[in-house]
Amino acid sequence: ALGCTFVPWASRDDLFSIHNCDVLLISTSITSFRSVVASLPMELLREKKVLVTEVCSVKAFPKSVMLELLPEECDIVCTHPMFGPESGKHGWYGLPFVFDVVRASAWERARAFVAIFEEARCRMVCMSCEEHDQHAAASQFLTHFTGRALASHGCASTSVDLKSFKSLCKVVDTTCKDSFDLFYGLFKYNPSSEETITKLKQAFGDIEKRLRFRRENSMQHVAAAWPQETEGGELRVASIVSGIEESKTAAIFGLSKKLQEAGEKINSALCIGEPDYPPPQCVLDAIEQAAEEGHTHYTVVQGELELRQEICKYLREQKNVAYEPADICVSNGGKQAIYQALMAVCEDGDEILVPTPCWVSYHDIARLCGATPVPIVTTAEDGYLLSADQLASALAKSGPKCKAVILCNPSNPTGAVLSHAELEALAEVLRRPEFAHVYVVSDEIYEQLVFDTPHSCFSSLQGMRAKTLLIGGFSKGYAMTGLRLGYLAAERHVTAAAIKLQGQITSCASSISQRAGIVALRSVTPDWTKARIE
């Protein structure tokens, strides 16, 4: 009835040798486009001087493929009917049809092909392929991205829908009816799509920062710190600062120091997590010797090789886990090591699981890295110990958004220590294939200050070394808090990222502190720490 003849793809040569086809319209996914074009009978196309056209949603890529693969005798017209089964089901009147006559020796034939859509009352848009892709990324890809994002978010109709929300639901319905192949093609084969995603992320971040800023500040301060845009602009601090709290331990410590200066008797060790005894004498001697010997210059960013070798020896002999010096990044205290470790692995929108009660800085460090801290509440009845069931439930709820879980063992502030068996139960959860993407930030800064339960290193458990971002240091075990010396031990690509970050933040840790750290690891025995604990 339609006057059409079906020709199987396996007999595609018949299109030209028998049916004398002079216009070939390629309708295939953008991901298959090159292979389809490459499989065409090129000699027959050359002989028949066929006009080849296509209807991909991206234009510059198919244009380049056809110019590369098709014979010069073939004319080329790139088109994009910007409608589909849904938007075009009642006719094509007024719907946009974009075309670009790339190469044409037979203008009348090219004109006749384009006229098919003109006579259907489409809105004809003559535009270069490159300009089309720029506009499409900011419109079509943006629409598809928004629809897919809302679908993933769980956008669904309710009994109190506004008209605008119904429009959003319609966007979800329309875009998700198209194949993911089409959506992927819009992203992969249109370079401008990457820029659109970047702008979206920036826009979401700016809006979120502004909302948080407004929430965290009183209205009278908002006007001064975040004024309405003016022609000249005004000076102000970054909005990210409003989203974090002042370190409570640092604030209380500062207050206690003021009270001491005023003559009050204050035990400041209870607020800052600092031993109330000095470092070992050999460490104090090493500080003096390092200064006298001229160890006052920069070291390499990741720390002196001699110190990193001693750290590896300590971890191997005391914690039964093997690292190489290249796996270690020595930092200005454990806090910097945690910050850089999370910054190295986190993307905006990731989630970090944090068992609580917890050290006050974990949440804000996560926020500074663009992630969202998600608490897992532990209770006194359970000894403030994270259970395997709690971890599994939290991981399942967070899903692919979870980037890491923080384990502080021994715990600050509760003092709870997870036993080897309890750590093994957590590791068993993390070995599940669905949690393969999750890192473990194992903060073991208090590992020498234990009483009844021996400390076990999380990365020493089977299969956990590759997942663990191990945090260690000298502040607690050796009473070297003011010397600011910590380290990260991790897989080499993570450590390399942390070194890169540190190189742009603080460069190396103190050279004198590093010399003191070497002596601490070589000369301080477990008996010294045990005597202080007792």
Protein backbone atom coordinates (compact mmCIF):
# COMPACT_ATOMS: atom_id res chain seq x y z
CA ALA A 1 0.00 0.00 0.00
CA LEU A 2 2.88 2.34 0.74
CA GLY A 3 4.73 1.38 -2.43
CA CYS A 4 7.79 0.34 -0.41
CA THR A 5 10.14 -2.57 -0.97
CA PHE A 6 11.87 -4.23 1.98
CA VAL A 7 15.53 -4.97 1.38
CA PRO A 8 17.34 -6.98 4.11
CA TRP A 9 20.56 -5.42 5.36
CA ALA A 10 22.45 -8.51 4.24
CA SER A 11 21.35 -7.68 0.66
CA ARG A 12 22.09 -3.95 0.89
CA ASP A 13 23.97 -3.99 -2.43
CA ASP A 14 20.58 -4.58 -4.10
CA LEU A 15 19.50 -1.08 -3.04
CA PHE A 16 21.78 0.32 -5.72
CA SER A 17 22.31 -2.48 -8.24
CA ILE A 18 18.61 -3.48 -8.56
CA HIS A 19 16.45 -0.75 -7.07
CA ASN A 20 18.58 2.19 -8.30
CA CYS A 21 18.38 3.99 -4.94
CA ASP A 22 19.85 7.48 -5.32
CA VAL A 23 19.19 8.75 -1.76
CA LEU A 24 20.43 6.75 1.24
CA LEU A 25 19.12 7.84 4.64
CA ILE A 26 21.07 6.23 7.49
CA SER A 27 18.96 5.74 10.61
CA THR A 28 21.09 4.11 13.30
CA SER A 29 22.38 4.95 16.77
CA ILE A 30 25.27 7.38 16.96
CA THR A 31 27.35 4.70 18.69
CA SER A 32 26.96 2.39 15.67
CA PHE A 33 27.26 5.07 13.02
CA ARG A 34 30.89 4.59 11.99
CA SER A 35 30.61 0.80 11.65
CA VAL A 36 27.39 1.11 9.62
CA VAL A 37 28.90 3.62 7.21
CA ALA A 38 32.08 1.55 6.91
CA SER A 39 30.00 -1.48 5.87
CA LEU A 40 28.34 0.27 2.89
CA PRO A 41 29.23 -0.82 -0.68
CA MET A 42 31.54 2.06 -1.49
CA GLU A 43 32.09 1.20 -5.18
CA LEU A 44 28.34 1.15 -5.85
CA LEU A 45 27.92 4.44 -3.98
CA ARG A 46 30.66 5.96 -6.13
CA GLU A 47 29.16 4.59 -9.31
CA LYS A 48 25.60 5.76 -8.54
CA LYS A 49 26.75 9.05 -7.00
CA VAL A 50 24.29 8.55 -4.15
CA LEU A 51 23.13 11.32 -1.83
CA VAL A 52 23.81 10.10 1.72
CA THR A 53 22.04 11.66 4.67
CA GLU A 54 21.46 10.79 8.32
CA VAL A 55 19.25 11.72 11.28
CA CYS A 56 21.60 11.51 14.28
CA SER A 57 21.01 13.78 17.27
CA VAL A 58 24.67 14.86 17.11
CA LYS A 59 25.92 16.36 13.87
CA ALA A 60 29.66 17.10 13.80
CA PHE A 61 30.62 13.47 14.40
CA PRO A 62 28.55 11.87 11.58
CA LYS A 63 29.64 14.68 9.28
CA SER A 64 33.31 13.90 9.93
CA VAL A 65 32.73 10.14 9.51
CA MET A 66 30.96 10.55 6.17
CA LEU A 67 33.57 12.97 4.84
CA GLU A 68 36.25 10.48 5.86
CA LEU A 69 34.69 7.24 4.59
CA LEU A 70 32.33 8.04 1.73
CA PRO A 71 33.56 8.46 -1.85
CA GLU A 72 33.94 12.05 -3.03
CA GLU A 73 31.28 11.37 -5.67
CA CYS A 74 28.62 11.07 -2.92
CA ASP A 75 26.67 14.11 -1.86
CA ILE A 76 26.19 14.59 1.89
CA VAL A 77 23.34 16.25 3.78
CA CYS A 78 23.32 16.14 7.58
CA THR A 79 19.89 16.47 9.18
CA HIS A 80 18.30 16.42 12.59
CA PRO A 81 14.52 16.17 12.78
CA MET A 82 14.22 17.52 16.34
CA PHE A 83 11.15 15.51 17.24
CA GLY A 84 10.29 11.92 17.99
CA PRO A 85 7.31 9.59 18.32
CA GLU A 86 5.87 11.57 21.23
CA SER A 87 6.34 15.16 20.08
CA GLY A 88 5.56 14.32 16.44
CA LYS A 89 2.64 11.94 16.87
CA HIS A 90 0.05 14.61 15.88
CA GLY A 91 2.00 15.88 12.87
CA TRP A 92 5.19 17.76 12.15
CA TYR A 93 3.75 21.24 11.77
CA GLY A 94 6.06 23.82 13.34
CA LEU A 95 8.56 21.24 14.61
CA PRO A 96 12.22 22.09 13.92
CA PHE A 97 14.12 20.31 11.18
CA VAL A 98 17.83 21.20 11.18
CA PHE A 99 19.89 20.54 8.05
CA ASP A 100 23.35 21.25 6.70
CA VAL A 101 24.17 20.62 3.02
CA VAL A 102 27.76 19.50 3.53
CA ARG A 103 28.54 18.50 -0.04
CA ALA A 104 26.27 18.63 -3.11
CA SER A 105 27.06 18.26 -6.81
CA ALA A 106 23.39 17.61 -7.66
CA TRP A 107 21.68 20.55 -5.96
CA GLU A 108 18.22 19.72 -7.26
CA ARG A 109 18.29 16.31 -5.64
CA ALA A 110 19.45 17.73 -2.31
CA ARG A 111 16.78 20.42 -2.56
CA ALA A 112 14.08 17.83 -3.31
CA PHE A 113 15.06 15.80 -0.25
CA VAL A 114 14.93 18.77 2.09
CA ALA A 115 11.60 19.82 0.53
CA ILE A 116 9.95 16.65 1.90
CA PHE A 117 10.13 18.14 5.40
CA GLU A 118 9.39 21.65 4.23
CA GLU A 119 6.14 20.46 2.62
CA ALA A 120 5.24 18.72 5.91
CA ARG A 121 5.31 22.23 7.41
CA CYS A 122 8.36 21.64 9.57
CA ARG A 123 10.19 24.74 10.76
CA MET A 124 13.29 24.58 8.57
CA VAL A 125 16.58 25.54 10.23
CA CYS A 126 19.68 25.74 8.04
CA MET A 127 22.65 25.51 10.44
CA SER A 128 26.20 24.17 10.40
CA CYS A 129 26.80 20.89 12.20
CA GLU A 130 29.20 22.53 14.63
CA GLU A 131 26.77 25.28 15.61
CA HIS A 132 24.00 22.69 15.98
CA ASP A 133 26.05 20.72 18.52
CA GLN A 134 26.74 23.79 20.62
CA HIS A 135 23.04 24.63 20.77
CA ALA A 136 21.99 20.99 21.24
CA ALA A 137 24.24 20.54 24.26
CA ALA A 138 22.59 23.53 25.92
CA SER A 139 19.07 22.39 25.04
CA GLN A 140 18.55 18.77 23.99
CA PHE A 141 21.33 17.23 26.12
CA LEU A 142 20.40 19.47 29.04
CA THR A 143 16.78 18.28 28.79
CA HIS A 144 17.78 14.61 28.60
CA PHE A 145 20.27 15.01 31.45
CA THR A 146 17.65 16.73 33.61
CA GLY A 147 15.06 14.05 32.85
CA ARG A 148 17.47 11.23 33.66
CA ALA A 149 18.63 12.97 36.86
CA LEU A 150 15.04 13.51 38.03
CA ALA A 151 14.20 9.89 37.23
CA SER A 152 17.18 8.73 39.28
CA HIS A 153 16.09 11.07 42.08
CA GLY A 154 12.66 9.45 42.09
CA CYS A 155 10.50 12.15 40.53
CA ALA A 156 6.93 10.79 40.74
CA SER A 157 3.45 12.24 40.72
CA THR A 158 1.73 13.01 44.05
CA SER A 159 -1.70 14.21 45.14
CA VAL A 160 -0.46 17.80 45.63
CA ASP A 161 1.39 18.33 42.34
CA LEU A 162 1.78 21.83 41.04
CA LYS A 163 1.46 22.41 37.32
CA SER A 164 5.19 23.11 37.13
CA PHE A 165 5.96 19.78 38.82
CA LYS A 166 3.72 17.97 36.37
CA SER A 167 5.80 19.54 33.60
CA LEU A 168 8.93 18.10 35.22
CA CYS A 169 7.32 14.66 35.39
CA LYS A 170 6.50 14.97 31.71
CA VAL A 171 10.16 15.73 30.96
CA VAL A 172 11.11 12.55 32.85
CA ASP A 173 8.56 10.49 30.96
CA THR A 174 9.55 11.83 27.55
CA THR A 175 13.33 11.59 27.93
CA CYS A 176 13.34 8.17 29.56
CA LYS A 177 11.31 6.70 26.70
CA ASP A 178 14.35 7.28 24.50
CA SER A 179 17.09 4.67 24.73
CA PHE A 180 20.07 5.19 26.99
CA ASP A 181 22.14 4.60 23.86
CA LEU A 182 20.77 7.83 22.44
CA PHE A 183 21.48 9.69 25.68
CA TYR A 184 25.02 8.31 25.82
CA GLY A 185 25.57 9.32 22.22
CA LEU A 186 24.53 12.89 23.02
CA PHE A 187 27.23 12.91 25.69
CA LYS A 188 30.08 11.00 24.05
CA TYR A 189 29.91 12.47 20.56
CA ASN A 190 29.17 16.08 21.39
CA PRO A 191 32.14 17.78 23.09
CA SER A 192 29.91 20.63 24.25
CA SER A 193 27.95 18.24 26.48
CA GLU A 194 30.88 18.01 28.89
CA GLU A 195 30.82 21.78 29.28
CA THR A 196 27.07 21.65 29.94
CA ILE A 197 27.58 19.16 32.80
CA THR A 198 30.32 21.34 34.27
CA LYS A 199 28.09 24.43 34.16
CA LEU A 200 25.23 22.47 35.74
CA LYS A 201 27.43 21.32 38.60
CA GLN A 202 28.67 24.86 39.13
CA ALA A 203 25.12 26.18 39.08
CA PHE A 204 23.91 23.58 41.60
CA GLY A 205 26.92 24.32 43.79
CA ASP A 206 26.36 28.07 43.67
CA ILE A 207 22.69 27.71 44.54
CA GLU A 208 23.42 25.30 47.38
CA LYS A 209 26.12 27.59 48.78
CA ARG A 210 23.77 30.55 48.66
CA LEU A 211 21.02 28.61 50.44
CA ARG A 212 23.39 27.40 53.14
CA PHE A 213 24.83 30.87 53.52
CA ARG A 214 21.36 32.33 54.04
CA ARG A 215 20.49 29.60 56.55
CA GLU A 216 23.70 29.95 58.55
CA ASN A 217 23.69 33.73 58.77
CA SER A 218 21.28 36.21 60.22
CA MET A 219 19.52 38.44 57.71
CA GLN A 220 21.41 41.57 58.72
CA HIS A 221 24.72 39.83 58.02
CA VAL A 222 23.55 38.39 54.71
CA ALA A 223 23.11 41.80 53.15
CA ALA A 224 26.66 42.76 54.07
CA ALA A 225 28.42 39.49 53.27
CA TRP A 226 26.41 38.42 50.22
CA PRO A 227 24.94 41.56 48.67
CA GLN A 228 22.78 41.70 45.58
CA GLU A 229 24.84 41.99 42.43
CA THR A 230 25.87 45.55 41.74
CA GLU A 231 27.67 47.11 38.86
CA GLY A 232 30.90 47.51 40.78
CA GLY A 233 30.67 44.38 42.93
CA GLU A 234 31.79 44.11 46.55
CA LEU A 235 34.49 42.30 48.51
CA ARG A 236 33.33 39.26 50.51
CA VAL A 237 34.57 35.94 51.83
CA ALA A 238 33.76 32.68 50.06
CA SER A 239 30.38 31.12 50.81
CA ILE A 240 31.97 27.72 51.51
CA VAL A 241 33.16 29.10 54.85
CA SER A 242 29.57 29.50 56.03
CA GLY A 243 28.90 25.82 55.44
CA ILE A 244 31.45 24.65 58.01
CA GLU A 245 31.83 25.13 61.74
CA GLU A 246 34.83 26.37 63.68
CA SER A 247 36.71 23.39 65.08
CA LYS A 248 35.14 22.91 68.52
CA THR A 249 38.29 21.34 69.99
CA ALA A 250 40.42 24.23 68.75
CA ALA A 251 37.87 26.77 70.03
CA ILE A 252 37.69 25.21 73.51
CA PHE A 253 41.47 24.87 73.62
CA GLY A 254 41.81 28.56 72.79
CA LEU A 255 39.40 29.43 75.58
CA SER A 256 41.25 27.24 78.06
CA LYS A 257 44.52 28.97 77.16
CA LYS A 258 42.93 32.37 77.83
CA LEU A 259 41.76 31.13 81.24
CA GLN A 260 45.25 29.85 82.01
CA GLU A 261 46.70 33.20 81.05
CA ALA A 262 44.23 34.77 83.47
CA GLY A 263 45.58 32.58 86.28
CA GLU A 264 42.92 29.84 86.23
CA LYS A 265 43.97 26.21 86.74
CA ILE A 266 42.77 24.34 83.63
CA ASN A 267 43.52 20.84 82.32
CA SER A 268 43.49 21.67 78.62
CA ALA A 269 44.45 18.10 77.67
CA LEU A 270 40.82 17.07 78.10
CA CYS A 271 39.65 19.25 75.20
CA ILE A 272 42.37 19.01 72.59
CA GLY A 273 43.29 15.30 72.76
CA GLU A 274 46.85 15.95 73.90
CA PRO A 275 48.98 13.82 76.24
CA ASP A 276 49.84 15.62 79.48
CA TYR A 277 53.48 14.50 79.37
CA PRO A 278 56.39 15.57 77.15
CA PRO A 279 57.84 13.58 74.24
CA PRO A 280 60.57 11.03 74.93
CA GLN A 281 63.95 12.58 75.73
CA CYS A 282 65.50 11.03 72.61
CA VAL A 283 62.92 12.93 70.50
CA LEU A 284 63.73 16.22 72.24
CA ASP A 285 67.43 15.57 71.68
CA ALA A 286 66.75 14.79 68.01
CA ILE A 287 65.01 18.16 67.57
CA GLU A 288 68.05 20.01 68.91
CA GLN A 289 70.46 17.89 66.88
CA ALA A 290 68.47 18.38 63.66
CA ALA A 291 68.63 22.16 64.03
CA GLU A 292 72.36 22.08 64.79
CA GLU A 293 73.06 19.82 61.80
CA GLY A 294 71.20 22.12 59.41
CA HIS A 295 68.03 20.08 58.81
CA THR A 296 66.12 23.32 58.38
CA HIS A 297 65.43 23.24 54.66
CA TYR A 298 62.58 21.97 52.49
CA THR A 299 62.31 18.25 52.00
CA VAL A 300 60.51 16.50 49.16
CA VAL A 301 56.75 17.03 49.46
CA GLN A 302 55.89 13.46 50.46
CA GLY A 303 58.51 13.39 53.22
CA GLU A 304 62.11 12.27 53.62
CA LEU A 305 62.79 8.79 52.26
CA GLU A 306 64.45 7.78 55.54
CA LEU A 307 61.28 8.59 57.50
CA ARG A 308 59.01 6.83 55.02
CA GLN A 309 61.22 3.75 55.22
CA GLU A 310 60.89 3.74 59.01
CA ILE A 311 57.11 4.13 58.77
CA CYS A 312 56.97 1.12 56.43
CA LYS A 313 59.15 -0.89 58.81
CA TYR A 314 56.88 0.01 61.75
CA LEU A 315 53.72 -0.97 59.87
CA ARG A 316 55.27 -4.24 58.72
CA GLU A 317 56.64 -5.27 62.12
CA GLN A 318 53.98 -3.88 64.44
CA LYS A 319 50.84 -3.98 62.27
CA ASN A 320 51.55 -6.87 59.90
CA VAL A 321 50.87 -4.90 56.72
CA ALA A 322 53.33 -4.19 53.91
CA TYR A 323 53.77 -0.78 52.30
CA GLU A 324 56.54 0.72 50.19
CA PRO A 325 57.97 4.22 50.77
CA ALA A 326 56.20 5.42 47.59
CA ASP A 327 52.88 4.49 49.24
CA ILE A 328 53.45 6.97 52.10
CA CYS A 329 52.70 10.71 52.19
CA VAL A 330 54.04 12.48 55.28
CA SER A 331 51.89 15.46 56.23
CA ASN A 332 51.52 18.22 58.78
CA GLY A 333 49.59 16.07 61.23
CA GLY A 334 46.92 13.41 60.80
CA LYS A 335 44.21 15.98 60.12
CA GLN A 336 45.89 17.09 56.90
CA ALA A 337 46.35 13.44 55.90
CA ILE A 338 42.59 12.82 56.33
CA TYR A 339 41.68 15.98 54.41
CA GLN A 340 43.96 15.15 51.49
CA ALA A 341 42.88 11.50 51.41
CA LEU A 342 39.21 12.46 51.12
CA MET A 343 39.93 15.25 48.66
CA ALA A 344 41.86 12.77 46.52
CA VAL A 345 38.92 10.37 46.16
CA CYS A 346 35.73 12.44 46.60
CA GLU A 347 33.55 14.05 43.94
CA ASP A 348 30.78 16.56 44.51
CA GLY A 349 27.68 14.76 45.74
CA ASP A 350 29.49 11.72 47.18
CA GLU A 351 28.54 10.50 50.65
CA ILE A 352 30.90 9.69 53.53
CA LEU A 353 29.59 7.36 56.23
CA VAL A 354 30.68 8.47 59.72
CA PRO A 355 29.97 6.38 62.84
CA THR A 356 28.95 8.74 65.66
CA PRO A 357 29.80 9.99 68.25
CA CYS A 358 32.85 11.08 66.30
CA TRP A 359 35.73 13.50 66.14
CA VAL A 360 34.27 16.92 65.41
CA SER A 361 36.25 17.60 62.22
CA TYR A 362 35.16 14.61 60.11
CA HIS A 363 31.89 16.17 58.99
CA ASP A 364 33.36 19.50 57.92
CA ILE A 365 36.36 17.90 56.21
CA ALA A 366 33.89 15.86 54.14
CA ARG A 367 31.92 19.02 53.26
CA LEU A 368 35.09 20.86 52.24
CA CYS A 369 35.76 17.97 49.84
CA GLY A 370 32.31 18.40 48.25
CA ALA A 371 30.89 15.30 49.95
CA THR A 372 27.99 14.85 52.36
CA PRO A 373 28.70 13.28 55.77
CA VAL A 374 26.10 10.64 56.71
CA PRO A 375 26.09 9.61 60.39
CA ILE A 376 25.73 6.02 61.57
CA VAL A 377 24.62 6.33 65.17
CA THR A 378 26.24 4.00 67.71
CA THR A 379 25.03 3.77 71.31
CA ALA A 380 26.43 3.34 74.81
CA GLU A 381 24.48 0.09 75.14
CA ASP A 382 26.59 -1.34 72.30
CA GLY A 383 29.82 0.16 73.58
CA TYR A 384 29.80 2.76 70.80
CA LEU A 385 30.99 0.03 68.46
CA LEU A 386 29.88 -0.06 64.81
CA SER A 387 28.29 -3.42 63.96
CA ALA A 388 28.47 -5.25 60.65
CA ASP A 389 24.68 -5.04 60.30
CA GLN A 390 24.71 -1.27 60.81
CA LEU A 391 27.46 -0.87 58.21
CA ALA A 392 25.71 -3.10 55.66
CA SER A 393 22.43 -1.21 56.10
CA ALA A 394 24.07 2.22 55.75
CA LEU A 395 26.06 1.14 52.68
CA ALA A 396 22.96 -0.29 51.01
CA LYS A 397 21.01 2.89 51.69
CA SER A 398 23.77 5.14 50.35
CA GLY A 399 24.35 2.91 47.32
CA PRO A 400 26.66 4.22 44.57
CA LYS A 401 26.81 7.66 46.24
CA CYS A 402 28.92 6.26 49.09
CA LYS A 403 32.59 6.96 48.48
CA ALA A 404 34.05 6.06 51.88
CA VAL A 405 33.36 5.03 55.46
CA ILE A 406 35.45 6.50 58.27
CA LEU A 407 36.64 4.14 61.00
CA CYS A 408 38.36 5.81 63.95
CA ASN A 409 39.89 2.95 65.91
CA PRO A 410 40.51 3.52 68.79
CA SER A 411 37.63 5.98 68.74
CA ASN A 412 37.86 9.66 69.46
CA PRO A 413 35.91 10.65 71.58
CA THR A 414 34.45 7.43 73.03
CA GLY A 415 37.66 5.46 73.50
CA ALA A 416 35.94 2.36 72.08
CA VAL A 417 38.27 -0.14 70.41
CA LEU A 418 37.06 -2.52 67.72
CA SER A 419 38.58 -5.96 68.24
CA HIS A 420 40.16 -7.99 65.45
CA ALA A 421 37.01 -10.12 65.19
CA GLU A 422 34.76 -7.04 65.02
CA LEU A 423 36.95 -5.47 62.33
CA GLU A 424 36.86 -8.74 60.39
CA ALA A 425 33.05 -8.66 60.46
CA LEU A 426 33.09 -5.15 58.99
CA ALA A 427 35.63 -6.25 56.38
CA GLU A 428 33.38 -9.14 55.39
CA VAL A 429 30.64 -6.63 54.55
CA LEU A 430 33.04 -4.50 52.54
CA ARG A 431 34.19 -7.52 50.53
CA ARG A 432 30.73 -7.80 48.93
CA PRO A 433 30.85 -6.99 45.19
CA GLU A 434 28.21 -4.27 45.51
CA PHE A 435 30.52 -2.33 47.85
CA ALA A 436 33.67 -2.65 45.75
CA HIS A 437 33.64 1.12 45.13
CA VAL A 438 33.85 2.07 48.83
CA TYR A 439 37.08 3.24 50.48
CA VAL A 440 37.78 2.96 54.22
CA VAL A 441 39.46 5.91 55.94
CA SER A 442 41.04 4.08 58.87
CA ASP A 443 42.05 6.75 61.37
CA GLU A 444 44.43 4.92 63.73
CA ILE A 445 46.10 7.92 65.33
CA TYR A 446 45.35 6.59 68.86
CA GLU A 447 46.53 3.04 68.06
CA GLN A 448 49.25 3.01 70.76
CA LEU A 449 46.94 4.21 73.55
CA VAL A 450 44.96 1.04 74.25
CA PHE A 451 44.26 -0.80 77.49
CA ASP A 452 42.32 -4.08 77.36
CA THR A 453 41.67 -4.66 73.65
CA PRO A 454 44.76 -5.01 71.42
CA HIS A 455 44.74 -2.78 68.36
CA SER A 456 44.48 -4.34 64.89
CA CYS A 457 45.31 -2.45 61.70
CA PHE A 458 42.35 -2.50 59.30
CA SER A 459 44.46 -2.66 56.15
CA SER A 460 46.11 -5.87 57.43
CA LEU A 461 42.81 -7.75 56.98
CA GLN A 462 42.41 -9.88 53.87
CA GLY A 463 41.49 -7.80 50.82
CA MET A 464 41.34 -4.52 52.72
CA ARG A 465 44.71 -2.99 51.89
CA ALA A 466 43.58 -1.77 48.48
CA LYS A 467 40.46 -0.15 49.98
CA THR A 468 42.10 1.41 53.05
CA LEU A 469 43.33 4.97 53.40
CA LEU A 470 45.39 4.43 56.55
CA ILE A 471 45.96 7.47 58.76
CA GLY A 472 48.79 7.42 61.31
CA GLY A 473 50.98 9.89 63.14
CA PHE A 474 53.17 10.86 66.05
CA SER A 475 50.96 13.22 68.07
CA LYS A 476 49.35 10.74 70.47
CA GLY A 477 51.74 7.79 70.81
CA TYR A 478 54.84 9.97 71.12
CA ALA A 479 53.28 13.14 72.62
CA MET A 480 54.51 15.14 69.59
CA THR A 481 51.29 17.14 69.04
CA GLY A 482 52.89 20.50 68.36
CA LEU A 483 55.43 19.02 65.97
CA ARG A 484 52.56 18.32 63.50
CA LEU A 485 53.64 15.06 61.94
CA GLY A 486 51.25 12.50 60.44
CA TYR A 487 51.01 10.31 57.37
CA LEU A 488 48.76 8.59 54.86
CA ALA A 489 49.49 5.02 53.71
CA ALA A 490 47.43 3.92 50.71
CA GLU A 491 47.47 2.51 47.20
CA ARG A 492 50.04 4.40 45.16
CA HIS A 493 47.61 6.24 42.87
CA VAL A 494 45.77 7.64 45.91
CA THR A 495 49.01 8.62 47.63
CA ALA A 496 50.20 10.29 44.42
CA ALA A 497 47.01 12.36 44.32
CA ALA A 498 47.48 13.35 47.98
CA ILE A 499 51.09 14.37 47.29
CA LYS A 500 49.93 16.52 44.39
CA LEU A 501 47.40 18.24 46.64
CA GLN A 502 49.90 18.74 49.45
CA GLY A 503 52.34 20.29 47.02
CA GLN A 504 49.78 23.01 46.36
CA ILE A 505 48.72 23.45 50.01
CA THR A 506 51.63 23.27 52.46
CA SER A 507 54.49 21.56 50.62
CA CYS A 508 56.49 19.34 53.00
CA ALA A 509 56.04 18.72 56.70
CA SER A 510 58.58 20.36 59.02
CA SER A 511 62.07 19.04 58.28
CA ILE A 512 62.99 19.10 61.97
CA SER A 513 59.81 17.24 62.90
CA GLN A 514 60.64 14.60 60.32
CA ARG A 515 64.07 14.02 61.90
CA ALA A 516 62.37 13.69 65.27
CA GLY A 517 59.92 11.19 63.78
CA ILE A 518 62.76 9.01 62.51
CA VAL A 519 64.26 8.83 66.01
CA ALA A 520 60.87 8.16 67.60
CA LEU A 521 60.30 5.13 65.38
CA ARG A 522 63.83 3.81 65.86
CA SER A 523 64.41 4.47 69.55
CA VAL A 524 61.13 4.66 71.49
CA THR A 525 60.07 1.27 72.78
CA PRO A 526 56.52 0.10 73.56
CA ASP A 527 57.54 0.05 77.22
CA TRP A 528 57.85 3.86 77.20
CA THR A 529 54.24 4.28 76.00
CA LYS A 530 52.99 1.56 78.35
CA ALA A 531 54.59 3.27 81.34
CA ARG A 532 52.79 6.55 80.48
CA ILE A 533 49.44 4.78 80.08
CA GLU A 534 49.82 3.12 83.47
